[in-house]
Amino acid sequence: ISNMELELNIHNSKAPKKNRLRRKSSTRHIHALELVSSQ
């Protein structure tokens, strides 16, 4: 494996974690809005 590939693997493994956290917090926010609108 070349250095470029290793760097890409490290970058790709870091990025999804941030996106997952962002998605979880955003979906939680959306659920709260849905509850408020349904009342």
PDB file of N, CA and C in Angstrom:
ATOM      1  N   ILE A   1       0.852  -1.201   0.000  1.00  0.00           N
ATOM      2  CA  ILE A   1       0.000   0.000   0.000  1.00  0.00           C
ATOM      3  C   ILE A   1       0.887   1.250   0.000  1.00  0.00           C
ATOM      4  N   SER A   2       0.565   2.215  -0.831  1.00  0.00           N
ATOM      5  CA  SER A   2       1.347   3.451  -0.913  1.00  0.00           C
ATOM      6  C   SER A   2       0.912   4.438   0.165  1.00  0.00           C
ATOM      7  N   ASN A   3       1.744   5.445   0.379  1.00  0.00           N
ATOM      8  CA  ASN A   3       1.413   6.466   1.381  1.00  0.00           C
ATOM      9  C   ASN A   3       0.110   7.189   1.040  1.00  0.00           C
ATOM     10  N   MET A   4      -0.098   7.452  -0.248  1.00  0.00           N
ATOM     11  CA  MET A   4      -1.325   8.119  -0.680  1.00  0.00           C
ATOM     12  C   MET A   4      -2.548   7.324  -0.252  1.00  0.00           C
ATOM     13  N   GLU A   5      -2.502   6.005  -0.469  1.00  0.00           N
ATOM     14  CA  GLU A   5      -3.637   5.158  -0.102  1.00  0.00           C
ATOM     15  C   GLU A   5      -3.870   5.169   1.403  1.00  0.00           C
ATOM     16  N   LEU A   6      -2.782   5.109   2.172  1.00  0.00           N
ATOM     17  CA  LEU A   6      -2.917   5.149   3.633  1.00  0.00           C
ATOM     18  C   LEU A   6      -3.563   6.453   4.075  1.00  0.00           C
ATOM     19  N   GLU A   7      -3.116   7.567   3.506  1.00  0.00           N
ATOM     20  CA  GLU A   7      -3.682   8.867   3.865  1.00  0.00           C
ATOM     21  C   GLU A   7      -5.161   8.933   3.516  1.00  0.00           C
ATOM     22  N   LEU A   8      -5.530   8.380   2.358  1.00  0.00           N
ATOM     23  CA  LEU A   8      -6.933   8.368   1.958  1.00  0.00           C
ATOM     24  C   LEU A   8      -7.754   7.516   2.917  1.00  0.00           C
ATOM     25  N   ASN A   9      -7.212   6.352   3.308  1.00  0.00           N
ATOM     26  CA  ASN A   9      -7.925   5.483   4.241  1.00  0.00           C
ATOM     27  C   ASN A   9      -8.151   6.179   5.576  1.00  0.00           C
ATOM     28  N   ILE A  10      -7.126   6.871   6.073  1.00  0.00           N
ATOM     29  CA  ILE A  10      -7.253   7.603   7.341  1.00  0.00           C
ATOM     30  C   ILE A  10      -8.308   8.699   7.199  1.00  0.00           C
ATOM     31  N   HIS A  11      -8.257   9.421   6.098  1.00  0.00           N
ATOM     32  CA  HIS A  11      -9.210  10.518   5.868  1.00  0.00           C
ATOM     33  C   HIS A  11     -10.631   9.968   5.768  1.00  0.00           C
ATOM     34  N   ASN A  12     -10.803   8.864   5.043  1.00  0.00           N
ATOM     35  CA  ASN A  12     -12.134   8.285   4.855  1.00  0.00           C
ATOM     36  C   ASN A  12     -12.688   7.714   6.151  1.00  0.00           C
ATOM     37  N   SER A  13     -11.820   7.198   7.024  1.00  0.00           N
ATOM     38  CA  SER A  13     -12.294   6.631   8.284  1.00  0.00           C
ATOM     39  C   SER A  13     -12.686   7.736   9.268  1.00  0.00           C
ATOM     40  N   LYS A  14     -12.060   8.916   9.128  1.00  0.00           N
ATOM     41  CA  LYS A  14     -12.392  10.036  10.016  1.00  0.00           C
ATOM     42  C   LYS A  14     -13.705  10.696   9.602  1.00  0.00           C
ATOM     43  N   ALA A  15     -13.899  10.870   8.304  1.00  0.00           N
ATOM     44  CA  ALA A  15     -15.045  11.626   7.811  1.00  0.00           C
ATOM     45  C   ALA A  15     -16.403  11.015   8.197  1.00  0.00           C
ATOM     46  N   PRO A  16     -16.628   9.717   7.970  1.00  0.00           N
ATOM     47  CA  PRO A  16     -17.947   9.147   8.268  1.00  0.00           C
ATOM     48  C   PRO A  16     -18.370   9.316   9.722  1.00  0.00           C
ATOM     49  N   LYS A  17     -17.436   9.278  10.653  1.00  0.00           N
ATOM     50  CA  LYS A  17     -17.778   9.449  12.065  1.00  0.00           C
ATOM     51  C   LYS A  17     -18.404  10.820  12.297  1.00  0.00           C
ATOM     52  N   LYS A  18     -17.810  11.849  11.712  1.00  0.00           N
ATOM     53  CA  LYS A  18     -18.360  13.201  11.851  1.00  0.00           C
ATOM     54  C   LYS A  18     -19.758  13.257  11.237  1.00  0.00           C
ATOM     55  N   ASN A  19     -19.905  12.665  10.051  1.00  0.00           N
ATOM     56  CA  ASN A  19     -21.202  12.685   9.381  1.00  0.00           C
ATOM     57  C   ASN A  19     -22.253  11.937  10.190  1.00  0.00           C
ATOM     58  N   ARG A  20     -21.854  10.800  10.792  1.00  0.00           N
ATOM     59  CA  ARG A  20     -22.790  10.023  11.596  1.00  0.00           C
ATOM     60  C   ARG A  20     -23.272  10.830  12.795  1.00  0.00           C
ATOM     61  N   LEU A  21     -22.334  11.489  13.466  1.00  0.00           N
ATOM     62  CA  LEU A  21     -22.705  12.312  14.624  1.00  0.00           C
ATOM     63  C   LEU A  21     -23.642  13.435  14.189  1.00  0.00           C
ATOM     64  N   ARG A  22     -23.307  14.052  13.063  1.00  0.00           N
ATOM     65  CA  ARG A  22     -24.124  15.155  12.566  1.00  0.00           C
ATOM     66  C   ARG A  22     -25.527  14.648  12.220  1.00  0.00           C
ATOM     67  N   ARG A  23     -25.602  13.483  11.572  1.00  0.00           N
ATOM     68  CA  ARG A  23     -26.900  12.932  11.186  1.00  0.00           C
ATOM     69  C   ARG A  23     -27.739  12.602  12.414  1.00  0.00           C
ATOM     70  N   LYS A  24     -27.115  11.988  13.429  1.00  0.00           N
ATOM     71  CA  LYS A  24     -27.846  11.623  14.641  1.00  0.00           C
ATOM     72  C   LYS A  24     -28.452  12.850  15.305  1.00  0.00           C
ATOM     73  N   SER A  25     -27.656  13.905  15.442  1.00  0.00           N
ATOM     74  CA  SER A  25     -28.138  15.117  16.104  1.00  0.00           C
ATOM     75  C   SER A  25     -29.223  15.787  15.259  1.00  0.00           C
ATOM     76  N   SER A  26     -29.077  15.763  13.937  1.00  0.00           N
ATOM     77  CA  SER A  26     -30.053  16.404  13.067  1.00  0.00           C
ATOM     78  C   SER A  26     -31.357  15.615  13.046  1.00  0.00           C
ATOM     79  N   THR A  27     -31.289  14.277  13.057  1.00  0.00           N
ATOM     80  CA  THR A  27     -32.511  13.472  13.063  1.00  0.00           C
ATOM     81  C   THR A  27     -33.238  13.649  14.383  1.00  0.00           C
ATOM     82  N   ARG A  28     -32.482  13.775  15.470  1.00  0.00           N
ATOM     83  CA  ARG A  28     -33.086  14.007  16.778  1.00  0.00           C
ATOM     84  C   ARG A  28     -33.853  15.323  16.764  1.00  0.00           C
ATOM     85  N   HIS A  29     -33.269  16.332  16.144  1.00  0.00           N
ATOM     86  CA  HIS A  29     -33.888  17.653  16.043  1.00  0.00           C
ATOM     87  C   HIS A  29     -35.164  17.569  15.212  1.00  0.00           C
ATOM     88  N   ILE A  30     -35.114  16.811  14.118  1.00  0.00           N
ATOM     89  CA  ILE A  30     -36.275  16.648  13.238  1.00  0.00           C
ATOM     90  C   ILE A  30     -37.397  15.933  13.986  1.00  0.00           C
ATOM     91  N   HIS A  31     -37.061  14.893  14.749  1.00  0.00           N
ATOM     92  CA  HIS A  31     -38.080  14.168  15.517  1.00  0.00           C
ATOM     93  C   HIS A  31     -38.768  15.097  16.509  1.00  0.00           C
ATOM     94  N   ALA A  32     -37.999  15.957  17.151  1.00  0.00           N
ATOM     95  CA  ALA A  32     -38.563  16.915  18.104  1.00  0.00           C
ATOM     96  C   ALA A  32     -39.538  17.845  17.390  1.00  0.00           C
ATOM     97  N   LEU A  33     -39.176  18.315  16.204  1.00  0.00           N
ATOM     98  CA  LEU A  33     -40.057  19.191  15.434  1.00  0.00           C
ATOM     99  C   LEU A  33     -41.334  18.454  15.041  1.00  0.00           C
ATOM    100  N   GLU A  34     -41.215  17.180  14.675  1.00  0.00           N
ATOM    101  CA  GLU A  34     -42.385  16.385  14.295  1.00  0.00           C
ATOM    102  C   GLU A  34     -43.335  16.238  15.477  1.00  0.00           C
ATOM    103  N   LEU A  35     -42.791  15.986  16.668  1.00  0.00           N
ATOM    104  CA  LEU A  35     -43.624  15.857  17.861  1.00  0.00           C
ATOM    105  C   LEU A  35     -44.373  17.155  18.141  1.00  0.00           C
ATOM    106  N   VAL A  36     -43.686  18.268  18.012  1.00  0.00           N
ATOM    107  CA  VAL A  36     -44.311  19.570  18.269  1.00  0.00           C
ATOM    108  C   VAL A  36     -45.423  19.837  17.258  1.00  0.00           C
ATOM    109  N   SER A  37     -45.185  19.536  15.995  1.00  0.00           N
ATOM    110  CA  SER A  37     -46.170  19.819  14.953  1.00  0.00           C
ATOM    111  C   SER A  37     -47.375  18.890  15.046  1.00  0.00           C
ATOM    112  N   SER A  38     -47.189  17.684  15.620  1.00  0.00           N
ATOM    113  CA  SER A  38     -48.297  16.725  15.703  1.00  0.00           C
ATOM    114  C   SER A  38     -49.221  17.024  16.880  1.00  0.00           C
ATOM    115  N   GLN A  39     -48.748  17.784  17.856  1.00  0.00           N
ATOM    116  CA  GLN A  39     -49.578  18.075  19.040  1.00  0.00           C
ATOM    117  C   GLN A  39     -50.691  19.076  18.735  1.00  0.00           C
TER     118      GLN A  39
END
